[in-house]
Amino acid sequence: MLSTADSDFGEHFRTLPSNAKYTSPDIQNELISIAASQIREDICREAAGAAMIAITVDDTKDISRKEQMSLCIRFTLLPGNVREQFLMLKHMTDDAKSLSEAILSSLQSLGLGTCTIIAQCYDGASVMSGRVKGVQAQIRESHKATMYIHCYAHRLNLVIVAVAREVQYADEFFAIVELLYVFLARQKVHEVFMRFQQERGLSQREIGRLSETRWACRYHNVLVIKERFGVIIDVLGEVQHLGDAEISVQAKGLVPQIQSCQFVANLCLFCRILSTMYGASTGLQSSTIDISESGRLITSMITSMSEFRDQPSSWTDIWDDVLKLCSTHDITIQGPHTQAGKRKKTI
């Protein structure tokens, strides 16, 4: 691959003896490991010069369902110049004692054992945040001044999840979005979806995999559905004639759910709401943001949402979007009769 991108390297590669090309998987992995070790050493050397560091740890399961711990550090060499660096992934069990021991032993092995840990940032799971036996409590036993910070991006995610589940219309809307994702991900349906976009001269976009831990990122899915709404409706109609009974039944079930004023109204509303939250979520994950800037970002987002809620013009703009989308795709707006005999357009 590199030989095709770099002509000098390509010429050198072609002149290598056939028994010394160093392209076997084992040698390539060894070269990658050596490069990683060298980069990690350089990072740790810089961090050791800072004397004080903050650690960020998260855990997840890999494709083989084994628990992995990721370890990152933050430090500053100059005032205001925050550095955030990834150090390693490590297979772990998910109990607090093993995690805390792994964090401290990893820092020790990397030459950072003498650095003062002034902050530790994790998610809010009890194994990490527990005040008595959680990872943060066990780290503080050896680093008394360490402050625990519940990841701001994770807290924002929890707020969105909790609010959406408490509001029936929102909960039902995102349930439909999830069903739509699963349906469009089917191979036969996905092929039609991509082909319809290409035939109409549109850039090929698709709904991404949903994630409970990155809920604000559903803005991408809502935006794609809104921008490709007509294409999605046509796809649902087309796939009913593929000769696949299961796909046909599912498509017929999704059509009335999507071609409704309620769905369109929720689509326009959440596109606006999630765009604000997505900006905040992205900012909170910046490698250079500090805790004071995080607080200002959250405050700014709350102010923006309050202004959006209180300004009639905001709702007028959303309603105009709803009317435009419904009119474009022949979706009827129904509501109760008014006293004058006219139909009141309501969501």
C-alpha atoms as a PDB file:
ATOM      1  CA  MET A   1       0.000   0.000   0.000  1.00  0.00           C
ATOM      2  CA  LEU A   2       2.763   2.415   0.921  1.00  0.00           C
ATOM      3  CA  SER A   3       4.633   1.591  -2.292  1.00  0.00           C
ATOM      4  CA  THR A   4       1.665   2.761  -4.355  1.00  0.00           C
ATOM      5  CA  ALA A   5       1.430   6.049  -2.458  1.00  0.00           C
ATOM      6  CA  ASP A   6       5.165   6.889  -2.331  1.00  0.00           C
ATOM      7  CA  SER A   7       7.077   6.484  -5.608  1.00  0.00           C
ATOM      8  CA  ASP A   8      10.512   6.536  -3.909  1.00  0.00           C
ATOM      9  CA  PHE A   9       9.492   3.847  -1.461  1.00  0.00           C
ATOM     10  CA  GLY A  10       7.864   1.905  -4.309  1.00  0.00           C
ATOM     11  CA  GLU A  11      11.095   1.924  -6.302  1.00  0.00           C
ATOM     12  CA  HIS A  12      13.100   0.805  -3.273  1.00  0.00           C
ATOM     13  CA  PHE A  13      10.542  -1.929  -2.504  1.00  0.00           C
ATOM     14  CA  ARG A  14      10.771  -3.345  -6.041  1.00  0.00           C
ATOM     15  CA  THR A  15      14.574  -3.682  -5.780  1.00  0.00           C
ATOM     16  CA  LEU A  16      14.507  -5.632  -2.490  1.00  0.00           C
ATOM     17  CA  PRO A  17      15.623  -9.281  -2.671  1.00  0.00           C
ATOM     18  CA  SER A  18      12.686 -11.681  -2.708  1.00  0.00           C
ATOM     19  CA  ASN A  19      13.774 -13.237   0.610  1.00  0.00           C
ATOM     20  CA  ALA A  20      13.941  -9.924   2.501  1.00  0.00           C
ATOM     21  CA  LYS A  21      10.820  -7.891   1.740  1.00  0.00           C
ATOM     22  CA  TYR A  22       9.630  -7.879   5.385  1.00  0.00           C
ATOM     23  CA  THR A  23       5.967  -8.093   4.346  1.00  0.00           C
ATOM     24  CA  SER A  24       4.887 -11.165   6.323  1.00  0.00           C
ATOM     25  CA  PRO A  25       2.129 -10.536   8.925  1.00  0.00           C
ATOM     26  CA  ASP A  26       4.443 -11.379  11.837  1.00  0.00           C
ATOM     27  CA  ILE A  27       7.138  -8.928  10.729  1.00  0.00           C
ATOM     28  CA  GLN A  28       4.590  -6.225   9.924  1.00  0.00           C
ATOM     29  CA  ASN A  29       3.024  -6.604  13.381  1.00  0.00           C
ATOM     30  CA  GLU A  30       6.463  -6.455  14.973  1.00  0.00           C
ATOM     31  CA  LEU A  31       7.274  -3.239  13.100  1.00  0.00           C
ATOM     32  CA  ILE A  32       3.970  -1.713  14.219  1.00  0.00           C
ATOM     33  CA  SER A  33       4.666  -2.772  17.809  1.00  0.00           C
ATOM     34  CA  ILE A  34       8.154  -1.216  17.712  1.00  0.00           C
ATOM     35  CA  ALA A  35       6.777   2.034  16.303  1.00  0.00           C
ATOM     36  CA  ALA A  36       4.034   2.094  18.956  1.00  0.00           C
ATOM     37  CA  SER A  37       6.551   1.523  21.756  1.00  0.00           C
ATOM     38  CA  GLN A  38       8.756   4.339  20.501  1.00  0.00           C
ATOM     39  CA  ILE A  39       5.851   6.771  20.262  1.00  0.00           C
ATOM     40  CA  ARG A  40       4.612   5.747  23.717  1.00  0.00           C
ATOM     41  CA  GLU A  41       8.065   6.310  25.209  1.00  0.00           C
ATOM     42  CA  ASP A  42       8.234   9.805  23.700  1.00  0.00           C
ATOM     43  CA  ILE A  43       4.781  10.658  25.088  1.00  0.00           C
ATOM     44  CA  CYS A  44       5.626   9.386  28.565  1.00  0.00           C
ATOM     45  CA  ARG A  45       8.937  11.236  28.575  1.00  0.00           C
ATOM     46  CA  GLU A  46       7.086  14.498  27.913  1.00  0.00           C
ATOM     47  CA  ALA A  47       4.400  13.707  30.481  1.00  0.00           C
ATOM     48  CA  ALA A  48       6.992  12.903  33.145  1.00  0.00           C
ATOM     49  CA  GLY A  49       8.373  16.398  32.665  1.00  0.00           C
ATOM     50  CA  ALA A  50       4.985  17.841  33.559  1.00  0.00           C
ATOM     51  CA  ALA A  51       5.079  16.195  37.032  1.00  0.00           C
ATOM     52  CA  MET A  52       1.253  16.310  37.320  1.00  0.00           C
ATOM     53  CA  ILE A  53      -1.116  14.353  35.083  1.00  0.00           C
ATOM     54  CA  ALA A  54      -4.803  13.518  34.755  1.00  0.00           C
ATOM     55  CA  ILE A  55      -5.957  10.080  33.664  1.00  0.00           C
ATOM     56  CA  THR A  56      -8.965   9.096  31.543  1.00  0.00           C
ATOM     57  CA  VAL A  57     -10.049   5.464  31.517  1.00  0.00           C
ATOM     58  CA  ASP A  58     -12.858   3.702  29.715  1.00  0.00           C
ATOM     59  CA  ASP A  59     -13.675   0.073  29.172  1.00  0.00           C
ATOM     60  CA  THR A  60     -15.437  -1.782  26.395  1.00  0.00           C
ATOM     61  CA  LYS A  61     -15.713  -5.264  24.898  1.00  0.00           C
ATOM     62  CA  ASP A  62     -13.825  -6.150  21.729  1.00  0.00           C
ATOM     63  CA  ILE A  63     -15.192  -8.307  18.910  1.00  0.00           C
ATOM     64  CA  SER A  64     -14.375 -11.467  20.877  1.00  0.00           C
ATOM     65  CA  ARG A  65     -16.387 -10.097  23.851  1.00  0.00           C
ATOM     66  CA  LYS A  66     -13.284  -9.668  26.008  1.00  0.00           C
ATOM     67  CA  GLU A  67     -13.147  -6.637  28.277  1.00  0.00           C
ATOM     68  CA  GLN A  68     -10.622  -3.985  27.256  1.00  0.00           C
ATOM     69  CA  MET A  69      -9.417  -0.960  29.195  1.00  0.00           C
ATOM     70  CA  SER A  70      -8.233   2.147  27.351  1.00  0.00           C
ATOM     71  CA  LEU A  71      -5.860   4.487  29.190  1.00  0.00           C
ATOM     72  CA  CYS A  72      -5.279   8.118  28.209  1.00  0.00           C
ATOM     73  CA  ILE A  73      -3.418  10.885  30.028  1.00  0.00           C
ATOM     74  CA  ARG A  74      -3.719  14.659  29.978  1.00  0.00           C
ATOM     75  CA  PHE A  75      -0.928  17.016  30.945  1.00  0.00           C
ATOM     76  CA  THR A  76       0.371  20.476  30.214  1.00  0.00           C
ATOM     77  CA  LEU A  77       3.920  21.686  29.683  1.00  0.00           C
ATOM     78  CA  LEU A  78       2.957  25.321  29.085  1.00  0.00           C
ATOM     79  CA  PRO A  79       0.061  27.245  30.674  1.00  0.00           C
ATOM     80  CA  GLY A  80      -3.088  26.697  28.619  1.00  0.00           C
ATOM     81  CA  ASN A  81      -1.431  24.131  26.324  1.00  0.00           C
ATOM     82  CA  VAL A  82      -3.325  20.959  27.222  1.00  0.00           C
ATOM     83  CA  ARG A  83      -2.060  17.694  25.756  1.00  0.00           C
ATOM     84  CA  GLU A  84      -4.189  14.552  25.661  1.00  0.00           C
ATOM     85  CA  GLN A  85      -2.562  11.306  24.578  1.00  0.00           C
ATOM     86  CA  PHE A  86      -3.716   7.725  24.256  1.00  0.00           C
ATOM     87  CA  LEU A  87      -1.321   5.242  25.860  1.00  0.00           C
ATOM     88  CA  MET A  88      -2.665   1.704  25.640  1.00  0.00           C
ATOM     89  CA  LEU A  89      -5.431  -0.862  25.423  1.00  0.00           C
ATOM     90  CA  LYS A  90      -5.316  -3.707  27.891  1.00  0.00           C
ATOM     91  CA  HIS A  91      -7.475  -6.814  28.394  1.00  0.00           C
ATOM     92  CA  MET A  92      -9.123  -6.679  31.799  1.00  0.00           C
ATOM     93  CA  THR A  93     -11.743  -8.084  34.107  1.00  0.00           C
ATOM     94  CA  ASP A  94     -14.392  -5.531  35.010  1.00  0.00           C
ATOM     95  CA  ASP A  95     -14.087  -5.428  38.816  1.00  0.00           C
ATOM     96  CA  ALA A  96     -12.868  -2.246  40.534  1.00  0.00           C
ATOM     97  CA  LYS A  97      -9.849  -3.822  42.244  1.00  0.00           C
ATOM     98  CA  SER A  98      -8.437  -5.274  38.998  1.00  0.00           C
ATOM     99  CA  LEU A  99      -9.045  -2.048  37.110  1.00  0.00           C
ATOM    100  CA  SER A 100      -7.415   0.201  39.697  1.00  0.00           C
ATOM    101  CA  GLU A 101      -4.403  -2.117  40.020  1.00  0.00           C
ATOM    102  CA  ALA A 102      -4.068  -2.242  36.232  1.00  0.00           C
ATOM    103  CA  ILE A 103      -4.148   1.565  35.962  1.00  0.00           C
ATOM    104  CA  LEU A 104      -1.468   2.083  38.602  1.00  0.00           C
ATOM    105  CA  SER A 105       0.766  -0.759  37.368  1.00  0.00           C
ATOM    106  CA  SER A 106       0.486   0.506  33.775  1.00  0.00           C
ATOM    107  CA  LEU A 107       1.529   4.017  34.813  1.00  0.00           C
ATOM    108  CA  GLN A 108       4.412   2.542  36.809  1.00  0.00           C
ATOM    109  CA  SER A 109       5.628   0.430  33.871  1.00  0.00           C
ATOM    110  CA  LEU A 110       5.501   3.483  31.590  1.00  0.00           C
ATOM    111  CA  GLY A 111       7.678   5.540  33.926  1.00  0.00           C
ATOM    112  CA  LEU A 112       4.822   7.696  35.215  1.00  0.00           C
ATOM    113  CA  GLY A 113       4.572   6.141  38.673  1.00  0.00           C
ATOM    114  CA  THR A 114       6.149   9.168  40.361  1.00  0.00           C
ATOM    115  CA  CYS A 115       3.841  11.683  38.679  1.00  0.00           C
ATOM    116  CA  THR A 116       1.104  13.211  40.811  1.00  0.00           C
ATOM    117  CA  ILE A 117      -2.351  12.255  39.552  1.00  0.00           C
ATOM    118  CA  ILE A 118      -4.511  15.336  40.107  1.00  0.00           C
ATOM    119  CA  ALA A 119      -7.664  14.176  38.309  1.00  0.00           C
ATOM    120  CA  GLN A 120      -9.315  10.977  37.117  1.00  0.00           C
ATOM    121  CA  CYS A 121     -12.143  10.929  34.597  1.00  0.00           C
ATOM    122  CA  TYR A 122     -14.450   7.946  34.041  1.00  0.00           C
ATOM    123  CA  ASP A 123     -18.078   7.221  33.233  1.00  0.00           C
ATOM    124  CA  GLY A 124     -20.649   7.023  36.010  1.00  0.00           C
ATOM    125  CA  ALA A 125     -20.805   3.238  36.361  1.00  0.00           C
ATOM    126  CA  SER A 126     -20.656   2.166  39.988  1.00  0.00           C
ATOM    127  CA  VAL A 127     -17.514   0.086  39.404  1.00  0.00           C
ATOM    128  CA  MET A 128     -15.731   3.299  38.386  1.00  0.00           C
ATOM    129  CA  SER A 129     -17.430   6.001  40.471  1.00  0.00           C
ATOM    130  CA  GLY A 130     -18.180   4.140  43.720  1.00  0.00           C
ATOM    131  CA  ARG A 131     -17.178   6.255  46.734  1.00  0.00           C
ATOM    132  CA  VAL A 132     -16.135   3.310  48.899  1.00  0.00           C
ATOM    133  CA  LYS A 133     -14.895   0.507  46.645  1.00  0.00           C
ATOM    134  CA  GLY A 134     -15.006   2.062  43.174  1.00  0.00           C
ATOM    135  CA  VAL A 135     -11.929   2.612  41.024  1.00  0.00           C
ATOM    136  CA  GLN A 136     -11.841   6.325  41.860  1.00  0.00           C
ATOM    137  CA  ALA A 137     -11.847   5.548  45.614  1.00  0.00           C
ATOM    138  CA  GLN A 138      -9.032   3.006  45.295  1.00  0.00           C
ATOM    139  CA  ILE A 139      -6.911   5.360  43.175  1.00  0.00           C
ATOM    140  CA  ARG A 140      -7.332   8.046  45.845  1.00  0.00           C
ATOM    141  CA  GLU A 141      -5.884   5.725  48.460  1.00  0.00           C
ATOM    142  CA  SER A 142      -2.453   6.173  46.866  1.00  0.00           C
ATOM    143  CA  HIS A 143      -3.044   9.626  45.333  1.00  0.00           C
ATOM    144  CA  LYS A 144      -4.885  11.600  48.013  1.00  0.00           C
ATOM    145  CA  ALA A 145      -5.287  14.816  45.991  1.00  0.00           C
ATOM    146  CA  THR A 146      -6.887  13.140  42.983  1.00  0.00           C
ATOM    147  CA  MET A 147     -10.244  14.613  42.011  1.00  0.00           C
ATOM    148  CA  TYR A 148     -12.837  12.360  40.360  1.00  0.00           C
ATOM    149  CA  ILE A 149     -14.710  13.841  37.387  1.00  0.00           C
ATOM    150  CA  HIS A 150     -17.706  12.121  35.874  1.00  0.00           C
ATOM    151  CA  CYS A 151     -17.198  12.510  32.104  1.00  0.00           C
ATOM    152  CA  TYR A 152     -19.261  15.518  30.980  1.00  0.00           C
ATOM    153  CA  ALA A 153     -20.024  13.985  27.578  1.00  0.00           C
ATOM    154  CA  HIS A 154     -21.319  10.851  29.321  1.00  0.00           C
ATOM    155  CA  ARG A 155     -23.478  12.927  31.668  1.00  0.00           C
ATOM    156  CA  LEU A 156     -24.972  14.780  28.709  1.00  0.00           C
ATOM    157  CA  ASN A 157     -25.729  11.431  27.090  1.00  0.00           C
ATOM    158  CA  LEU A 158     -27.509  10.228  30.239  1.00  0.00           C
ATOM    159  CA  VAL A 159     -29.663  13.377  30.291  1.00  0.00           C
ATOM    160  CA  ILE A 160     -30.768  12.881  26.673  1.00  0.00           C
ATOM    161  CA  VAL A 161     -31.550   9.198  27.280  1.00  0.00           C
ATOM    162  CA  ALA A 162     -33.561   9.911  30.436  1.00  0.00           C
ATOM    163  CA  VAL A 163     -35.588  12.740  28.886  1.00  0.00           C
ATOM    164  CA  ALA A 164     -36.339  10.839  25.673  1.00  0.00           C
ATOM    165  CA  ARG A 165     -37.587   7.811  27.602  1.00  0.00           C
ATOM    166  CA  GLU A 166     -39.875   9.911  29.791  1.00  0.00           C
ATOM    167  CA  VAL A 167     -41.646  11.518  26.811  1.00  0.00           C
ATOM    168  CA  GLN A 168     -43.835   8.993  25.010  1.00  0.00           C
ATOM    169  CA  TYR A 169     -43.727  10.717  21.607  1.00  0.00           C
ATOM    170  CA  ALA A 170     -39.931  10.940  21.749  1.00  0.00           C
ATOM    171  CA  ASP A 171     -39.543   7.333  22.868  1.00  0.00           C
ATOM    172  CA  GLU A 172     -41.804   6.112  20.056  1.00  0.00           C
ATOM    173  CA  PHE A 173     -40.059   8.319  17.481  1.00  0.00           C
ATOM    174  CA  PHE A 174     -36.611   6.932  18.235  1.00  0.00           C
ATOM    175  CA  ALA A 175     -38.003   3.406  18.315  1.00  0.00           C
ATOM    176  CA  ILE A 176     -39.138   3.963  14.705  1.00  0.00           C
ATOM    177  CA  VAL A 177     -35.725   5.435  13.819  1.00  0.00           C
ATOM    178  CA  GLU A 178     -34.067   2.304  15.206  1.00  0.00           C
ATOM    179  CA  LEU A 179     -36.435   0.035  13.262  1.00  0.00           C
ATOM    180  CA  LEU A 180     -35.682   2.045  10.130  1.00  0.00           C
ATOM    181  CA  TYR A 181     -31.938   1.641  10.671  1.00  0.00           C
ATOM    182  CA  VAL A 182     -32.248  -2.131  11.066  1.00  0.00           C
ATOM    183  CA  PHE A 183     -34.448  -2.361   7.984  1.00  0.00           C
ATOM    184  CA  LEU A 184     -32.221  -0.222   5.730  1.00  0.00           C
ATOM    185  CA  ALA A 185     -29.180  -2.213   6.867  1.00  0.00           C
ATOM    186  CA  ARG A 186     -30.549  -5.383   5.266  1.00  0.00           C
ATOM    187  CA  GLN A 187     -28.483  -6.188   2.192  1.00  0.00           C
ATOM    188  CA  LYS A 188     -31.281  -6.156  -0.395  1.00  0.00           C
ATOM    189  CA  VAL A 189     -32.816  -2.973   1.012  1.00  0.00           C
ATOM    190  CA  HIS A 190     -29.449  -1.265   1.439  1.00  0.00           C
ATOM    191  CA  GLU A 191     -28.595  -1.891  -2.212  1.00  0.00           C
ATOM    192  CA  VAL A 192     -31.841  -0.222  -3.312  1.00  0.00           C
ATOM    193  CA  PHE A 193     -31.266   2.702  -0.932  1.00  0.00           C
ATOM    194  CA  MET A 194     -27.770   3.338  -2.311  1.00  0.00           C
ATOM    195  CA  ARG A 195     -28.927   2.912  -5.931  1.00  0.00           C
ATOM    196  CA  PHE A 196     -31.817   5.364  -5.579  1.00  0.00           C
ATOM    197  CA  GLN A 197     -29.491   8.032  -4.179  1.00  0.00           C
ATOM    198  CA  GLN A 198     -26.980   7.498  -6.981  1.00  0.00           C
ATOM    199  CA  GLU A 199     -29.655   7.657  -9.680  1.00  0.00           C
ATOM    200  CA  ARG A 200     -30.855  11.007  -8.323  1.00  0.00           C
ATOM    201  CA  GLY A 201     -27.371  12.500  -8.286  1.00  0.00           C
ATOM    202  CA  LEU A 202     -27.228  12.574  -4.487  1.00  0.00           C
ATOM    203  CA  SER A 203     -24.215  11.782  -2.344  1.00  0.00           C
ATOM    204  CA  GLN A 204     -24.679   8.349  -0.830  1.00  0.00           C
ATOM    205  CA  ARG A 205     -25.573   8.659   2.833  1.00  0.00           C
ATOM    206  CA  GLU A 206     -26.823   6.056   5.233  1.00  0.00           C
ATOM    207  CA  ILE A 207     -28.103   5.725   8.765  1.00  0.00           C
ATOM    208  CA  GLY A 208     -25.324   4.735  11.143  1.00  0.00           C
ATOM    209  CA  ARG A 209     -25.238   2.110  13.852  1.00  0.00           C
ATOM    210  CA  LEU A 210     -27.061   3.279  16.964  1.00  0.00           C
ATOM    211  CA  SER A 211     -25.270   3.492  20.301  1.00  0.00           C
ATOM    212  CA  GLU A 212     -26.736   3.850  23.766  1.00  0.00           C
ATOM    213  CA  THR A 213     -23.486   5.322  25.065  1.00  0.00           C
ATOM    214  CA  ARG A 214     -23.216   7.967  22.327  1.00  0.00           C
ATOM    215  CA  TRP A 215     -26.843   9.012  22.132  1.00  0.00           C
ATOM    216  CA  ALA A 216     -26.214  12.583  20.976  1.00  0.00           C
ATOM    217  CA  CYS A 217     -24.670  11.148  17.815  1.00  0.00           C
ATOM    218  CA  ARG A 218     -28.176  10.108  16.733  1.00  0.00           C
ATOM    219  CA  TYR A 219     -28.312  13.605  15.299  1.00  0.00           C
ATOM    220  CA  HIS A 220     -26.558  12.154  12.266  1.00  0.00           C
ATOM    221  CA  ASN A 221     -29.336   9.600  11.772  1.00  0.00           C
ATOM    222  CA  VAL A 222     -32.115  12.145  12.213  1.00  0.00           C
ATOM    223  CA  LEU A 223     -30.403  14.496   9.749  1.00  0.00           C
ATOM    224  CA  VAL A 224     -29.953  11.743   7.137  1.00  0.00           C
ATOM    225  CA  ILE A 225     -33.613  10.712   7.441  1.00  0.00           C
ATOM    226  CA  LYS A 226     -34.739  14.314   6.991  1.00  0.00           C
ATOM    227  CA  GLU A 227     -32.449  14.968   4.006  1.00  0.00           C
ATOM    228  CA  ARG A 228     -33.254  11.623   2.339  1.00  0.00           C
ATOM    229  CA  PHE A 229     -36.900  11.437   3.407  1.00  0.00           C
ATOM    230  CA  GLY A 230     -38.256  11.169  -0.143  1.00  0.00           C
ATOM    231  CA  VAL A 231     -35.690   8.537  -1.085  1.00  0.00           C
ATOM    232  CA  ILE A 232     -36.550   6.462   1.992  1.00  0.00           C
ATOM    233  CA  ILE A 233     -40.266   6.560   1.184  1.00  0.00           C
ATOM    234  CA  ASP A 234     -39.574   5.454  -2.405  1.00  0.00           C
ATOM    235  CA  VAL A 235     -37.291   2.666  -1.147  1.00  0.00           C
ATOM    236  CA  LEU A 236     -40.031   1.379   1.163  1.00  0.00           C
ATOM    237  CA  GLY A 237     -42.361   1.260  -1.818  1.00  0.00           C
ATOM    238  CA  GLU A 238     -39.843  -0.382  -4.159  1.00  0.00           C
ATOM    239  CA  VAL A 239     -38.725  -3.190  -1.831  1.00  0.00           C
ATOM    240  CA  GLN A 240     -42.309  -4.396  -1.446  1.00  0.00           C
ATOM    241  CA  HIS A 241     -41.901  -5.869  -4.947  1.00  0.00           C
ATOM    242  CA  LEU A 242     -38.599  -7.722  -4.422  1.00  0.00           C
ATOM    243  CA  GLY A 243     -40.337 -11.046  -3.898  1.00  0.00           C
ATOM    244  CA  ASP A 244     -39.220 -11.276  -0.270  1.00  0.00           C
ATOM    245  CA  ALA A 245     -42.302 -11.635   1.934  1.00  0.00           C
ATOM    246  CA  GLU A 246     -40.530 -10.637   5.163  1.00  0.00           C
ATOM    247  CA  ILE A 247     -39.084  -7.453   3.657  1.00  0.00           C
ATOM    248  CA  SER A 248     -42.439  -6.611   2.078  1.00  0.00           C
ATOM    249  CA  VAL A 249     -44.334  -6.954   5.360  1.00  0.00           C
ATOM    250  CA  GLN A 250     -41.785  -4.857   7.263  1.00  0.00           C
ATOM    251  CA  ALA A 251     -41.836  -2.140   4.586  1.00  0.00           C
ATOM    252  CA  LYS A 252     -45.646  -1.997   4.646  1.00  0.00           C
ATOM    253  CA  GLY A 253     -45.494  -1.621   8.432  1.00  0.00           C
ATOM    254  CA  LEU A 254     -42.963   1.229   8.293  1.00  0.00           C
ATOM    255  CA  VAL A 255     -44.701   3.287   5.583  1.00  0.00           C
ATOM    256  CA  PRO A 256     -47.670   4.528   7.693  1.00  0.00           C
ATOM    257  CA  GLN A 257     -45.359   5.189  10.647  1.00  0.00           C
ATOM    258  CA  ILE A 258     -43.054   7.415   8.597  1.00  0.00           C
ATOM    259  CA  GLN A 259     -45.671   9.041   6.362  1.00  0.00           C
ATOM    260  CA  SER A 260     -47.433  10.646   9.309  1.00  0.00           C
ATOM    261  CA  CYS A 261     -47.500  14.235  10.486  1.00  0.00           C
ATOM    262  CA  GLN A 262     -46.455  13.149  13.965  1.00  0.00           C
ATOM    263  CA  PHE A 263     -43.281  11.479  12.691  1.00  0.00           C
ATOM    264  CA  VAL A 264     -42.415  14.458  10.465  1.00  0.00           C
ATOM    265  CA  ALA A 265     -42.993  16.898  13.343  1.00  0.00           C
ATOM    266  CA  ASN A 266     -40.750  14.873  15.655  1.00  0.00           C
ATOM    267  CA  LEU A 267     -38.159  14.598  12.882  1.00  0.00           C
ATOM    268  CA  CYS A 268     -37.968  18.390  12.438  1.00  0.00           C
ATOM    269  CA  LEU A 269     -38.059  19.037  16.188  1.00  0.00           C
ATOM    270  CA  PHE A 270     -35.310  16.580  17.129  1.00  0.00           C
ATOM    271  CA  CYS A 271     -33.171  17.664  14.204  1.00  0.00           C
ATOM    272  CA  ARG A 272     -33.090  21.109  15.823  1.00  0.00           C
ATOM    273  CA  ILE A 273     -32.669  19.902  19.411  1.00  0.00           C
ATOM    274  CA  LEU A 274     -30.005  17.294  18.689  1.00  0.00           C
ATOM    275  CA  SER A 275     -27.993  19.697  16.518  1.00  0.00           C
ATOM    276  CA  THR A 276     -27.426  21.852  19.612  1.00  0.00           C
ATOM    277  CA  MET A 277     -26.621  18.858  21.807  1.00  0.00           C
ATOM    278  CA  TYR A 278     -24.391  17.283  19.153  1.00  0.00           C
ATOM    279  CA  GLY A 279     -22.274  20.430  19.028  1.00  0.00           C
ATOM    280  CA  ALA A 280     -21.893  20.355  22.800  1.00  0.00           C
ATOM    281  CA  SER A 281     -21.153  16.617  22.854  1.00  0.00           C
ATOM    282  CA  THR A 282     -18.467  17.001  20.174  1.00  0.00           C
ATOM    283  CA  GLY A 283     -16.900  19.936  22.027  1.00  0.00           C
ATOM    284  CA  LEU A 284     -16.836  18.010  25.311  1.00  0.00           C
ATOM    285  CA  GLN A 285     -14.813  15.255  23.639  1.00  0.00           C
ATOM    286  CA  SER A 286     -12.138  17.655  22.395  1.00  0.00           C
ATOM    287  CA  SER A 287      -8.610  16.640  23.364  1.00  0.00           C
ATOM    288  CA  THR A 288      -7.765  20.213  24.410  1.00  0.00           C
ATOM    289  CA  ILE A 289     -10.856  21.189  26.416  1.00  0.00           C
ATOM    290  CA  ASP A 290     -10.451  21.779  30.168  1.00  0.00           C
ATOM    291  CA  ILE A 291     -12.970  21.549  32.996  1.00  0.00           C
ATOM    292  CA  SER A 292     -13.726  25.275  33.082  1.00  0.00           C
ATOM    293  CA  GLU A 293     -14.392  25.324  29.340  1.00  0.00           C
ATOM    294  CA  SER A 294     -16.592  22.237  29.760  1.00  0.00           C
ATOM    295  CA  GLY A 295     -18.699  24.111  32.291  1.00  0.00           C
ATOM    296  CA  ARG A 296     -19.048  27.098  29.962  1.00  0.00           C
ATOM    297  CA  LEU A 297     -20.013  24.829  27.080  1.00  0.00           C
ATOM    298  CA  ILE A 298     -22.761  23.142  29.107  1.00  0.00           C
ATOM    299  CA  THR A 299     -24.042  26.516  30.343  1.00  0.00           C
ATOM    300  CA  SER A 300     -24.114  27.820  26.781  1.00  0.00           C
ATOM    301  CA  MET A 301     -26.063  24.772  25.616  1.00  0.00           C
ATOM    302  CA  ILE A 302     -28.625  25.159  28.423  1.00  0.00           C
ATOM    303  CA  THR A 303     -29.041  28.839  27.533  1.00  0.00           C
ATOM    304  CA  SER A 304     -29.527  27.996  23.851  1.00  0.00           C
ATOM    305  CA  MET A 305     -32.153  25.358  24.682  1.00  0.00           C
ATOM    306  CA  SER A 306     -33.990  27.752  27.022  1.00  0.00           C
ATOM    307  CA  GLU A 307     -34.059  30.474  24.390  1.00  0.00           C
ATOM    308  CA  PHE A 308     -35.267  27.980  21.805  1.00  0.00           C
ATOM    309  CA  ARG A 309     -38.102  26.874  24.103  1.00  0.00           C
ATOM    310  CA  ASP A 310     -39.205  30.420  25.005  1.00  0.00           C
ATOM    311  CA  GLN A 311     -39.020  32.110  21.593  1.00  0.00           C
ATOM    312  CA  PRO A 312     -42.209  31.702  19.496  1.00  0.00           C
ATOM    313  CA  SER A 313     -40.193  32.249  16.304  1.00  0.00           C
ATOM    314  CA  SER A 314     -38.284  29.010  16.960  1.00  0.00           C
ATOM    315  CA  TRP A 315     -41.487  26.975  16.944  1.00  0.00           C
ATOM    316  CA  THR A 316     -42.753  28.853  13.903  1.00  0.00           C
ATOM    317  CA  ASP A 317     -39.610  27.891  12.006  1.00  0.00           C
ATOM    318  CA  ILE A 318     -40.022  24.234  12.972  1.00  0.00           C
ATOM    319  CA  TRP A 319     -43.686  24.251  12.007  1.00  0.00           C
ATOM    320  CA  ASP A 320     -42.789  25.755   8.639  1.00  0.00           C
ATOM    321  CA  ASP A 321     -40.328  22.880   8.127  1.00  0.00           C
ATOM    322  CA  VAL A 322     -43.071  20.394   9.031  1.00  0.00           C
ATOM    323  CA  LEU A 323     -45.528  21.957   6.575  1.00  0.00           C
ATOM    324  CA  LYS A 324     -42.930  22.018   3.806  1.00  0.00           C
ATOM    325  CA  LEU A 325     -41.923  18.371   4.303  1.00  0.00           C
ATOM    326  CA  CYS A 326     -45.543  17.212   4.550  1.00  0.00           C
ATOM    327  CA  SER A 327     -46.535  19.197   1.455  1.00  0.00           C
ATOM    328  CA  THR A 328     -43.597  17.851  -0.576  1.00  0.00           C
ATOM    329  CA  HIS A 329     -44.479  14.239   0.208  1.00  0.00           C
ATOM    330  CA  ASP A 330     -48.312  14.499   0.261  1.00  0.00           C
ATOM    331  CA  ILE A 331     -48.647  13.849   3.988  1.00  0.00           C
ATOM    332  CA  THR A 332     -52.008  14.932   5.387  1.00  0.00           C
ATOM    333  CA  ILE A 333     -52.035  17.165   8.454  1.00  0.00           C
ATOM    334  CA  GLN A 334     -55.087  16.207  10.486  1.00  0.00           C
ATOM    335  CA  GLY A 335     -56.471  17.631  13.685  1.00  0.00           C
ATOM    336  CA  PRO A 336     -59.726  18.393  15.555  1.00  0.00           C
ATOM    337  CA  HIS A 337     -62.286  20.801  14.087  1.00  0.00           C
ATOM    338  CA  THR A 338     -62.216  24.382  15.324  1.00  0.00           C
ATOM    339  CA  GLN A 339     -65.375  26.292  16.271  1.00  0.00           C
ATOM    340  CA  ALA A 340     -65.360  28.036  12.887  1.00  0.00           C
ATOM    341  CA  GLY A 341     -65.544  24.690  11.148  1.00  0.00           C
ATOM    342  CA  LYS A 342     -61.925  24.801  10.011  1.00  0.00           C
ATOM    343  CA  ARG A 343     -59.500  22.035  10.758  1.00  0.00           C
ATOM    344  CA  LYS A 344     -56.877  22.977  13.283  1.00  0.00           C
ATOM    345  CA  LYS A 345     -53.418  21.829  12.211  1.00  0.00           C
ATOM    346  CA  THR A 346     -51.853  20.164  15.237  1.00  0.00           C
ATOM    347  CA  ILE A 347     -49.117  17.703  15.887  1.00  0.00           C
END
